Amino acid sequence: MNGVLYGVDGRAEAEVLELTERIGEETIITRCGNALTSQ
């Protein structure tokens, strides 16, 4: 398929919210260094 670009592409907003709620923002930041965003 076409390449999906960086943070200017926001198609996965629902998945960002779901994963953040499921894992927890603090855990994500601690383990991954970044909150989940369109990036």
Full PDB file with SEQRES, HELIX, SHEET, SSBOND, CRYST1, ORIGX, SCALE, CONECT and MASTER records, all heavy atoms in Angstrom:
SEQRES   1 A   39  MET ASN GLY VAL LEU TYR GLY VAL ASP GLY ARG ALA GLU          
SEQRES   2 A   39  ALA GLU VAL LEU GLU LEU THR GLU ARG ILE GLY GLU GLU          
SEQRES   3 A   39  THR ILE ILE THR ARG CYS GLY ASN ALA LEU THR SER GLN          
HELIX    1 AA1 GLU A   13  ILE A   23  1                                  11    
HELIX    2 AA2 GLU A   25  CYS A   32  1                                   8    
CRYST1    1.000    1.000    1.000  90.00  90.00  90.00 P 1           1          
ORIGX1      1.000000  0.000000  0.000000        0.00000                         
ORIGX2      0.000000  1.000000  0.000000        0.00000                         
ORIGX3      0.000000  0.000000  1.000000        0.00000                         
SCALE1      1.000000  0.000000  0.000000        0.00000                         
SCALE2      0.000000  1.000000  0.000000        0.00000                         
SCALE3      0.000000  0.000000  1.000000        0.00000                         
ATOM      1  N   MET A   1       0.867  -1.179   0.000  1.00  0.00           N  
ATOM      2  CA  MET A   1       0.000   0.000   0.000  1.00  0.00           C  
ATOM      3  C   MET A   1       0.904   1.229   0.000  1.00  0.00           C  
ATOM      4  O   MET A   1       2.132   1.101   0.040  1.00  0.00           O  
ATOM      5  CB  MET A   1      -0.917   0.013   1.234  1.00  0.00           C  
ATOM      6  CG  MET A   1      -0.170   0.062   2.565  1.00  0.00           C  
ATOM      7  SD  MET A   1      -1.251   0.062   4.021  1.00  0.00           S  
ATOM      8  CE  MET A   1      -1.900   1.746   3.976  1.00  0.00           C  
ATOM      9  N   ASN A   2       0.316   2.398  -0.053  1.00  0.00           N  
ATOM     10  CA  ASN A   2       1.106   3.617   0.091  1.00  0.00           C  
ATOM     11  C   ASN A   2       1.723   3.694   1.479  1.00  0.00           C  
ATOM     12  O   ASN A   2       1.188   3.133   2.450  1.00  0.00           O  
ATOM     13  CB  ASN A   2       0.231   4.850  -0.139  1.00  0.00           C  
ATOM     14  CG  ASN A   2      -0.066   5.098  -1.607  1.00  0.00           C  
ATOM     15  OD1 ASN A   2       0.630   4.580  -2.492  1.00  0.00           O  
ATOM     16  ND2 ASN A   2      -1.088   5.879  -1.884  1.00  0.00           N  
ATOM     17  N   GLY A   3       2.836   4.415   1.580  1.00  0.00           N  
ATOM     18  CA  GLY A   3       3.452   4.639   2.877  1.00  0.00           C  
ATOM     19  C   GLY A   3       2.637   5.625   3.690  1.00  0.00           C  
ATOM     20  O   GLY A   3       2.269   6.696   3.197  1.00  0.00           O  
ATOM     21  N   VAL A   4       2.336   5.264   4.923  1.00  0.00           N  
ATOM     22  CA  VAL A   4       1.600   6.147   5.839  1.00  0.00           C  
ATOM     23  C   VAL A   4       2.623   7.040   6.530  1.00  0.00           C  
ATOM     24  O   VAL A   4       3.564   6.548   7.163  1.00  0.00           O  
ATOM     25  CB  VAL A   4       0.804   5.323   6.863  1.00  0.00           C  
ATOM     26  CG1 VAL A   4       0.112   6.227   7.868  1.00  0.00           C  
ATOM     27  CG2 VAL A   4      -0.216   4.435   6.149  1.00  0.00           C  
ATOM     28  N   LEU A   5       2.453   8.348   6.421  1.00  0.00           N  
ATOM     29  CA  LEU A   5       3.475   9.273   6.890  1.00  0.00           C  
ATOM     30  C   LEU A   5       3.477   9.448   8.410  1.00  0.00           C  
ATOM     31  O   LEU A   5       2.714   8.806   9.127  1.00  0.00           O  
ATOM     32  CB  LEU A   5       3.321  10.623   6.193  1.00  0.00           C  
ATOM     33  CG  LEU A   5       3.434  10.604   4.666  1.00  0.00           C  
ATOM     34  CD1 LEU A   5       3.654  12.011   4.118  1.00  0.00           C  
ATOM     35  CD2 LEU A   5       4.536   9.676   4.162  1.00  0.00           C  
ATOM     36  N   TYR A   6       4.345  10.303   8.853  1.00  0.00           N  
ATOM     37  CA  TYR A   6       4.644  10.536  10.270  1.00  0.00           C  
ATOM     38  C   TYR A   6       3.465  11.191  10.973  1.00  0.00           C  
ATOM     39  O   TYR A   6       2.309  10.894  10.672  1.00  0.00           O  
ATOM     40  CB  TYR A   6       5.921  11.371  10.376  1.00  0.00           C  
ATOM     41  CG  TYR A   6       5.919  12.604   9.492  1.00  0.00           C  
ATOM     42  CD1 TYR A   6       5.613  13.850  10.004  1.00  0.00           C  
ATOM     43  CD2 TYR A   6       6.225  12.511   8.133  1.00  0.00           C  
ATOM     44  CE1 TYR A   6       5.603  14.981   9.197  1.00  0.00           C  
ATOM     45  CE2 TYR A   6       6.223  13.642   7.308  1.00  0.00           C  
ATOM     46  CZ  TYR A   6       5.904  14.867   7.856  1.00  0.00           C  
ATOM     47  OH  TYR A   6       5.893  15.976   7.048  1.00  0.00           O  
ATOM     48  N   GLY A   7       3.714  12.078  11.938  1.00  0.00           N  
ATOM     49  CA  GLY A   7       2.651  12.610  12.786  1.00  0.00           C  
ATOM     50  C   GLY A   7       1.608  13.451  12.098  1.00  0.00           C  
ATOM     51  O   GLY A   7       0.572  13.746  12.695  1.00  0.00           O  
ATOM     52  N   VAL A   8       1.828  13.843  10.836  1.00  0.00           N  
ATOM     53  CA  VAL A   8       0.788  14.582  10.116  1.00  0.00           C  
ATOM     54  C   VAL A   8      -0.360  13.669   9.707  1.00  0.00           C  
ATOM     55  O   VAL A   8      -1.414  14.150   9.290  1.00  0.00           O  
ATOM     56  CB  VAL A   8       1.357  15.294   8.867  1.00  0.00           C  
ATOM     57  CG1 VAL A   8       2.369  16.339   9.271  1.00  0.00           C  
ATOM     58  CG2 VAL A   8       1.977  14.295   7.889  1.00  0.00           C  
ATOM     59  N   ASP A   9      -0.166  12.371   9.807  1.00  0.00           N  
ATOM     60  CA  ASP A   9      -1.233  11.412   9.517  1.00  0.00           C  
ATOM     61  C   ASP A   9      -1.855  10.965  10.838  1.00  0.00           C  
ATOM     62  O   ASP A   9      -1.201  10.335  11.673  1.00  0.00           O  
ATOM     63  CB  ASP A   9      -0.678  10.193   8.764  1.00  0.00           C  
ATOM     64  CG  ASP A   9      -1.779   9.228   8.352  1.00  0.00           C  
ATOM     65  OD1 ASP A   9      -2.335   8.537   9.237  1.00  0.00           O  
ATOM     66  OD2 ASP A   9      -2.100   9.174   7.156  1.00  0.00           O  
ATOM     67  N   GLY A  10      -3.132  11.302  11.013  1.00  0.00           N  
ATOM     68  CA  GLY A  10      -3.802  11.019  12.284  1.00  0.00           C  
ATOM     69  C   GLY A  10      -4.849   9.932  12.201  1.00  0.00           C  
ATOM     70  O   GLY A  10      -5.756   9.896  13.034  1.00  0.00           O  
ATOM     71  N   ARG A  11      -4.709   9.002  11.237  1.00  0.00           N  
ATOM     72  CA  ARG A  11      -5.761   8.007  11.022  1.00  0.00           C  
ATOM     73  C   ARG A  11      -5.940   7.045  12.195  1.00  0.00           C  
ATOM     74  O   ARG A  11      -6.996   6.423  12.336  1.00  0.00           O  
ATOM     75  CB  ARG A  11      -5.464   7.203   9.761  1.00  0.00           C  
ATOM     76  CG  ARG A  11      -4.293   6.213   9.869  1.00  0.00           C  
ATOM     77  CD  ARG A  11      -4.016   5.520   8.556  1.00  0.00           C  
ATOM     78  NE  ARG A  11      -3.582   6.462   7.532  1.00  0.00           N  
ATOM     79  CZ  ARG A  11      -3.535   6.170   6.233  1.00  0.00           C  
ATOM     80  NH1 ARG A  11      -3.913   4.980   5.812  1.00  0.00           N  
ATOM     81  NH2 ARG A  11      -3.119   7.075   5.368  1.00  0.00           N  
ATOM     82  N   ALA A  12      -4.909   6.879  13.013  1.00  0.00           N  
ATOM     83  CA  ALA A  12      -4.970   5.876  14.081  1.00  0.00           C  
ATOM     84  C   ALA A  12      -5.343   6.486  15.427  1.00  0.00           C  
ATOM     85  O   ALA A  12      -4.969   5.960  16.474  1.00  0.00           O  
ATOM     86  CB  ALA A  12      -3.634   5.145  14.192  1.00  0.00           C  
ATOM     87  N   GLU A  13      -6.115   7.556  15.413  1.00  0.00           N  
ATOM     88  CA  GLU A  13      -6.495   8.220  16.670  1.00  0.00           C  
ATOM     89  C   GLU A  13      -7.204   7.250  17.620  1.00  0.00           C  
ATOM     90  O   GLU A  13      -6.928   7.220  18.831  1.00  0.00           O  
ATOM     91  CB  GLU A  13      -7.405   9.412  16.378  1.00  0.00           C  
ATOM     92  CG  GLU A  13      -7.858  10.147  17.631  1.00  0.00           C  
ATOM     93  CD  GLU A  13      -8.909  11.206  17.354  1.00  0.00           C  
ATOM     94  OE1 GLU A  13      -9.373  11.298  16.196  1.00  0.00           O  
ATOM     95  OE2 GLU A  13      -9.263  11.934  18.295  1.00  0.00           O  
ATOM     96  N   ALA A  14      -8.124   6.437  17.092  1.00  0.00           N  
ATOM     97  CA  ALA A  14      -8.856   5.503  17.956  1.00  0.00           C  
ATOM     98  C   ALA A  14      -7.914   4.488  18.582  1.00  0.00           C  
ATOM     99  O   ALA A  14      -8.047   4.139  19.765  1.00  0.00           O  
ATOM    100  CB  ALA A  14      -9.942   4.796  17.154  1.00  0.00           C  
ATOM    101  N   GLU A  15      -6.937   4.006  17.805  1.00  0.00           N  
ATOM    102  CA  GLU A  15      -5.979   3.019  18.322  1.00  0.00           C  
ATOM    103  C   GLU A  15      -5.047   3.653  19.358  1.00  0.00           C  
ATOM    104  O   GLU A  15      -4.664   2.994  20.340  1.00  0.00           O  
ATOM    105  CB  GLU A  15      -5.175   2.426  17.162  1.00  0.00           C  
ATOM    106  CG  GLU A  15      -5.942   1.446  16.293  1.00  0.00           C  
ATOM    107  CD  GLU A  15      -6.956   2.119  15.366  1.00  0.00           C  
ATOM    108  OE1 GLU A  15      -6.836   3.352  15.123  1.00  0.00           O  
ATOM    109  OE2 GLU A  15      -7.857   1.431  14.870  1.00  0.00           O  
ATOM    110  N   VAL A  16      -4.683   4.916  19.155  1.00  0.00           N  
ATOM    111  CA  VAL A  16      -3.866   5.631  20.139  1.00  0.00           C  
ATOM    112  C   VAL A  16      -4.592   5.692  21.479  1.00  0.00           C  
ATOM    113  O   VAL A  16      -4.023   5.389  22.541  1.00  0.00           O  
ATOM    114  CB  VAL A  16      -3.537   7.059  19.644  1.00  0.00           C  
ATOM    115  CG1 VAL A  16      -2.973   7.902  20.785  1.00  0.00           C  
ATOM    116  CG2 VAL A  16      -2.543   7.013  18.500  1.00  0.00           C  
ATOM    117  N   LEU A  17      -5.857   6.078  21.443  1.00  0.00           N  
ATOM    118  CA  LEU A  17      -6.639   6.193  22.669  1.00  0.00           C  
ATOM    119  C   LEU A  17      -6.834   4.841  23.335  1.00  0.00           C  
ATOM    120  O   LEU A  17      -6.700   4.711  24.563  1.00  0.00           O  
ATOM    121  CB  LEU A  17      -7.991   6.832  22.358  1.00  0.00           C  
ATOM    122  CG  LEU A  17      -7.945   8.294  21.866  1.00  0.00           C  
ATOM    123  CD1 LEU A  17      -9.330   8.749  21.430  1.00  0.00           C  
ATOM    124  CD2 LEU A  17      -7.397   9.211  22.949  1.00  0.00           C  
ATOM    125  N   GLU A  18      -7.130   3.824  22.535  1.00  0.00           N  
ATOM    126  CA  GLU A  18      -7.370   2.497  23.110  1.00  0.00           C  
ATOM    127  C   GLU A  18      -6.119   1.932  23.769  1.00  0.00           C  
ATOM    128  O   GLU A  18      -6.164   1.423  24.900  1.00  0.00           O  
ATOM    129  CB  GLU A  18      -7.841   1.539  22.016  1.00  0.00           C  
ATOM    130  CG  GLU A  18      -8.073   0.113  22.533  1.00  0.00           C  
ATOM    131  CD  GLU A  18      -8.142  -0.913  21.410  1.00  0.00           C  
ATOM    132  OE1 GLU A  18      -8.694  -0.585  20.343  1.00  0.00           O  
ATOM    133  OE2 GLU A  18      -7.639  -2.031  21.617  1.00  0.00           O  
ATOM    134  N   LEU A  19      -4.978   2.006  23.058  1.00  0.00           N  
ATOM    135  CA  LEU A  19      -3.736   1.459  23.611  1.00  0.00           C  
ATOM    136  C   LEU A  19      -3.299   2.229  24.854  1.00  0.00           C  
ATOM    137  O   LEU A  19      -2.803   1.644  25.821  1.00  0.00           O  
ATOM    138  CB  LEU A  19      -2.634   1.486  22.558  1.00  0.00           C  
ATOM    139  CG  LEU A  19      -2.763   0.467  21.419  1.00  0.00           C  
ATOM    140  CD1 LEU A  19      -1.781   0.777  20.300  1.00  0.00           C  
ATOM    141  CD2 LEU A  19      -2.536  -0.952  21.940  1.00  0.00           C  
ATOM    142  N   THR A  20      -3.490   3.544  24.839  1.00  0.00           N  
ATOM    143  CA  THR A  20      -3.130   4.347  26.005  1.00  0.00           C  
ATOM    144  C   THR A  20      -3.971   3.959  27.211  1.00  0.00           C  
ATOM    145  O   THR A  20      -3.455   3.812  28.334  1.00  0.00           O  
ATOM    146  CB  THR A  20      -3.302   5.846  25.697  1.00  0.00           C  
ATOM    147  OG1 THR A  20      -2.469   6.207  24.599  1.00  0.00           O  
ATOM    148  CG2 THR A  20      -2.936   6.694  26.911  1.00  0.00           C  
ATOM    149  N   GLU A  21      -5.261   3.765  26.994  1.00  0.00           N  
ATOM    150  CA  GLU A  21      -6.141   3.370  28.099  1.00  0.00           C  
ATOM    151  C   GLU A  21      -5.809   1.958  28.583  1.00  0.00           C  
ATOM    152  O   GLU A  21      -5.795   1.687  29.783  1.00  0.00           O  
ATOM    153  CB  GLU A  21      -7.599   3.429  27.636  1.00  0.00           C  
ATOM    154  CG  GLU A  21      -8.595   3.100  28.748  1.00  0.00           C  
ATOM    155  CD  GLU A  21     -10.041   3.246  28.306  1.00  0.00           C  
ATOM    156  OE1 GLU A  21     -10.269   3.732  27.177  1.00  0.00           O  
ATOM    157  OE2 GLU A  21     -10.927   2.888  29.090  1.00  0.00           O  
ATOM    158  N   ARG A  22      -5.524   1.080  27.641  1.00  0.00           N  
ATOM    159  CA  ARG A  22      -5.263  -0.316  28.001  1.00  0.00           C  
ATOM    160  C   ARG A  22      -3.940  -0.480  28.760  1.00  0.00           C  
ATOM    161  O   ARG A  22      -3.859  -1.197  29.762  1.00  0.00           O  
ATOM    162  CB  ARG A  22      -5.229  -1.174  26.731  1.00  0.00           C  
ATOM    163  CG  ARG A  22      -5.171  -2.675  27.024  1.00  0.00           C  
ATOM    164  CD  ARG A  22      -4.573  -3.485  25.882  1.00  0.00           C  
ATOM    165  NE  ARG A  22      -5.140  -3.200  24.578  1.00  0.00           N  
ATOM    166  CZ  ARG A  22      -4.675  -3.736  23.449  1.00  0.00           C  
ATOM    167  NH1 ARG A  22      -3.643  -4.569  23.493  1.00  0.00           N  
ATOM    168  NH2 ARG A  22      -5.213  -3.442  22.283  1.00  0.00           N  
ATOM    169  N   ILE A  23      -2.886   0.210  28.293  1.00  0.00           N  
ATOM    170  CA  ILE A  23      -1.556   0.032  28.878  1.00  0.00           C  
ATOM    171  C   ILE A  23      -1.316   1.017  30.017  1.00  0.00           C  
ATOM    172  O   ILE A  23      -0.689   0.679  31.027  1.00  0.00           O  
ATOM    173  CB  ILE A  23      -0.476   0.209  27.792  1.00  0.00           C  
ATOM    174  CG1 ILE A  23      -0.684  -0.802  26.654  1.00  0.00           C  
ATOM    175  CG2 ILE A  23       0.917   0.039  28.385  1.00  0.00           C  
ATOM    176  CD1 ILE A  23       0.163  -0.511  25.426  1.00  0.00           C  
ATOM    177  N   GLY A  24      -1.809   2.235  29.854  1.00  0.00           N  
ATOM    178  CA  GLY A  24      -1.561   3.291  30.829  1.00  0.00           C  
ATOM    179  C   GLY A  24      -0.477   4.229  30.341  1.00  0.00           C  
ATOM    180  O   GLY A  24       0.617   3.773  29.976  1.00  0.00           O  
ATOM    181  N   GLU A  25      -0.779   5.538  30.323  1.00  0.00           N  
ATOM    182  CA  GLU A  25       0.176   6.498  29.775  1.00  0.00           C  
ATOM    183  C   GLU A  25       1.499   6.497  30.525  1.00  0.00           C  
ATOM    184  O   GLU A  25       2.573   6.554  29.914  1.00  0.00           O  
ATOM    185  CB  GLU A  25      -0.426   7.903  29.794  1.00  0.00           C  
ATOM    186  CG  GLU A  25       0.497   8.949  29.167  1.00  0.00           C  
ATOM    187  CD  GLU A  25      -0.130  10.318  29.094  1.00  0.00           C  
ATOM    188  OE1 GLU A  25      -0.211  10.992  30.146  1.00  0.00           O  
ATOM    189  OE2 GLU A  25      -0.540  10.714  27.995  1.00  0.00           O  
ATOM    190  N   GLU A  26       1.453   6.395  31.848  1.00  0.00           N  
ATOM    191  CA  GLU A  26       2.694   6.413  32.628  1.00  0.00           C  
ATOM    192  C   GLU A  26       3.591   5.234  32.276  1.00  0.00           C  
ATOM    193  O   GLU A  26       4.805   5.368  32.128  1.00  0.00           O  
ATOM    194  CB  GLU A  26       2.373   6.408  34.122  1.00  0.00           C  
ATOM    195  CG  GLU A  26       3.607   6.551  34.999  1.00  0.00           C  
ATOM    196  CD  GLU A  26       3.274   6.663  36.472  1.00  0.00           C  
ATOM    197  OE1 GLU A  26       2.100   6.939  36.813  1.00  0.00           O  
ATOM    198  OE2 GLU A  26       4.197   6.477  37.297  1.00  0.00           O  
ATOM    199  N   THR A  27       2.976   4.047  32.120  1.00  0.00           N  
ATOM    200  CA  THR A  27       3.753   2.860  31.750  1.00  0.00           C  
ATOM    201  C   THR A  27       4.367   3.030  30.373  1.00  0.00           C  
ATOM    202  O   THR A  27       5.541   2.687  30.143  1.00  0.00           O  
ATOM    203  CB  THR A  27       2.854   1.609  31.767  1.00  0.00           C  
ATOM    204  OG1 THR A  27       2.354   1.414  33.084  1.00  0.00           O  
ATOM    205  CG2 THR A  27       3.619   0.376  31.321  1.00  0.00           C  
ATOM    206  N   ILE A  28       3.592   3.556  29.434  1.00  0.00           N  
ATOM    207  CA  ILE A  28       4.090   3.747  28.078  1.00  0.00           C  
ATOM    208  C   ILE A  28       5.274   4.709  28.072  1.00  0.00           C  
ATOM    209  O   ILE A  28       6.311   4.441  27.444  1.00  0.00           O  
ATOM    210  CB  ILE A  28       2.967   4.273  27.154  1.00  0.00           C  
ATOM    211  CG1 ILE A  28       1.882   3.213  26.977  1.00  0.00           C  
ATOM    212  CG2 ILE A  28       3.533   4.670  25.790  1.00  0.00           C  
ATOM    213  CD1 ILE A  28       0.629   3.729  26.309  1.00  0.00           C  
ATOM    214  N   ILE A  29       5.146   5.827  28.776  1.00  0.00           N  
ATOM    215  CA  ILE A  29       6.234   6.805  28.800  1.00  0.00           C  
ATOM    216  C   ILE A  29       7.473   6.224  29.465  1.00  0.00           C  
ATOM    217  O   ILE A  29       8.605   6.405  28.994  1.00  0.00           O  
ATOM    218  CB  ILE A  29       5.776   8.092  29.508  1.00  0.00           C  
ATOM    219  CG1 ILE A  29       4.702   8.805  28.673  1.00  0.00           C  
ATOM    220  CG2 ILE A  29       6.961   9.030  29.752  1.00  0.00           C  
ATOM    221  CD1 ILE A  29       4.069   9.988  29.362  1.00  0.00           C  
ATOM    222  N   THR A  30       7.287   5.505  30.562  1.00  0.00           N  
ATOM    223  CA  THR A  30       8.423   4.918  31.279  1.00  0.00           C  
ATOM    224  C   THR A  30       9.148   3.884  30.421  1.00  0.00           C  
ATOM    225  O   THR A  30      10.380   3.865  30.362  1.00  0.00           O  
ATOM    226  CB  THR A  30       7.952   4.261  32.585  1.00  0.00           C  
ATOM    227  OG1 THR A  30       7.325   5.247  33.401  1.00  0.00           O  
ATOM    228  CG2 THR A  30       9.128   3.648  33.340  1.00  0.00           C  
ATOM    229  N   ARG A  31       8.382   3.035  29.767  1.00  0.00           N  
ATOM    230  CA  ARG A  31       8.979   1.938  28.993  1.00  0.00           C  
ATOM    231  C   ARG A  31       9.438   2.375  27.607  1.00  0.00           C  
ATOM    232  O   ARG A  31      10.450   1.884  27.097  1.00  0.00           O  
ATOM    233  CB  ARG A  31       7.958   0.805  28.840  1.00  0.00           C  
ATOM    234  CG  ARG A  31       7.588   0.114  30.156  1.00  0.00           C  
ATOM    235  CD  ARG A  31       8.681  -0.837  30.624  1.00  0.00           C  
ATOM    236  NE  ARG A  31       8.990  -1.835  29.610  1.00  0.00           N  
ATOM    237  CZ  ARG A  31       8.249  -2.922  29.386  1.00  0.00           C  
ATOM    238  NH1 ARG A  31       7.166  -3.152  30.115  1.00  0.00           N  
ATOM    239  NH2 ARG A  31       8.603  -3.781  28.450  1.00  0.00           N  
ATOM    240  N   CYS A  32       8.675   3.278  26.967  1.00  0.00           N  
ATOM    241  CA  CYS A  32       8.930   3.617  25.566  1.00  0.00           C  
ATOM    242  C   CYS A  32       9.535   5.010  25.372  1.00  0.00           C  
ATOM    243  O   CYS A  32      10.023   5.315  24.283  1.00  0.00           O  
ATOM    244  CB  CYS A  32       7.638   3.510  24.757  1.00  0.00           C  
ATOM    245  SG  CYS A  32       6.812   1.908  24.897  1.00  0.00           S  
ATOM    246  N   GLY A  33       9.454   5.848  26.411  1.00  0.00           N  
ATOM    247  CA  GLY A  33      10.015   7.189  26.306  1.00  0.00           C  
ATOM    248  C   GLY A  33       9.088   8.206  25.686  1.00  0.00           C  
ATOM    249  O   GLY A  33       9.405   9.394  25.651  1.00  0.00           O  
ATOM    250  N   ASN A  34       7.940   7.753  25.173  1.00  0.00           N  
ATOM    251  CA  ASN A  34       7.019   8.646  24.472  1.00  0.00           C  
ATOM    252  C   ASN A  34       5.583   8.253  24.764  1.00  0.00           C  
ATOM    253  O   ASN A  34       5.260   7.064  24.822  1.00  0.00           O  
ATOM    254  CB  ASN A  34       7.221   8.546  22.954  1.00  0.00           C  
ATOM    255  CG  ASN A  34       8.636   8.838  22.524  1.00  0.00           C  
ATOM    256  OD1 ASN A  34       9.042   9.976  22.492  1.00  0.00           O  
ATOM    257  ND2 ASN A  34       9.393   7.790  22.209  1.00  0.00           N  
ATOM    258  N   ALA A  35       4.735   9.239  24.929  1.00  0.00           N  
ATOM    259  CA  ALA A  35       3.305   8.955  24.938  1.00  0.00           C  
ATOM    260  C   ALA A  35       2.890   8.542  23.532  1.00  0.00           C  
ATOM    261  O   ALA A  35       3.549   8.880  22.544  1.00  0.00           O  
ATOM    262  CB  ALA A  35       2.526  10.193  25.377  1.00  0.00           C  
ATOM    263  N   LEU A  36       1.808   7.789  23.419  1.00  0.00           N  
ATOM    264  CA  LEU A  36       1.300   7.429  22.098  1.00  0.00           C  
ATOM    265  C   LEU A  36       0.588   8.628  21.489  1.00  0.00           C  
ATOM    266  O   LEU A  36      -0.290   9.229  22.110  1.00  0.00           O  
ATOM    267  CB  LEU A  36       0.336   6.248  22.205  1.00  0.00           C  
ATOM    268  CG  LEU A  36       0.955   4.915  22.642  1.00  0.00           C  
ATOM    269  CD1 LEU A  36      -0.102   3.824  22.686  1.00  0.00           C  
ATOM    270  CD2 LEU A  36       2.108   4.513  21.737  1.00  0.00           C  
ATOM    271  N   THR A  37       0.980   8.985  20.276  1.00  0.00           N  
ATOM    272  CA  THR A  37       0.410  10.118  19.552  1.00  0.00           C  
ATOM    273  C   THR A  37       0.309   9.749  18.079  1.00  0.00           C  
ATOM    274  O   THR A  37       0.614   8.618  17.680  1.00  0.00           O  
ATOM    275  CB  THR A  37       1.296  11.376  19.690  1.00  0.00           C  
ATOM    276  OG1 THR A  37       2.527  11.159  18.966  1.00  0.00           O  
ATOM    277  CG2 THR A  37       1.617  11.677  21.151  1.00  0.00           C  
ATOM    278  N   SER A  38      -0.072  10.720  17.262  1.00  0.00           N  
ATOM    279  CA  SER A  38      -0.130  10.477  15.818  1.00  0.00           C  
ATOM    280  C   SER A  38       1.248  10.202  15.231  1.00  0.00           C  
ATOM    281  O   SER A  38       1.360   9.719  14.100  1.00  0.00           O  
ATOM    282  CB  SER A  38      -0.754  11.686  15.106  1.00  0.00           C  
ATOM    283  OG  SER A  38       0.053  12.838  15.266  1.00  0.00           O  
ATOM    284  N   GLN A  39       2.312  10.469  15.990  1.00  0.00           N  
ATOM    285  CA  GLN A  39       3.678  10.197  15.543  1.00  0.00           C  
ATOM    286  C   GLN A  39       4.045   8.720  15.713  1.00  0.00           C  
ATOM    287  O   GLN A  39       4.983   8.238  15.088  1.00  0.00           O  
ATOM    288  CB  GLN A  39       4.660  11.073  16.334  1.00  0.00           C  
ATOM    289  CG  GLN A  39       6.093  11.046  15.849  1.00  0.00           C  
ATOM    290  CD  GLN A  39       6.359  11.989  14.700  1.00  0.00           C  
ATOM    291  OE1 GLN A  39       5.440  12.500  14.088  1.00  0.00           O  
ATOM    292  NE2 GLN A  39       7.616  12.220  14.402  1.00  0.00           N  
TER     293      GLN A  39                                                      
MASTER        0    0    0    2    0    0    0    6  292    1    0    3          
END                                                                             
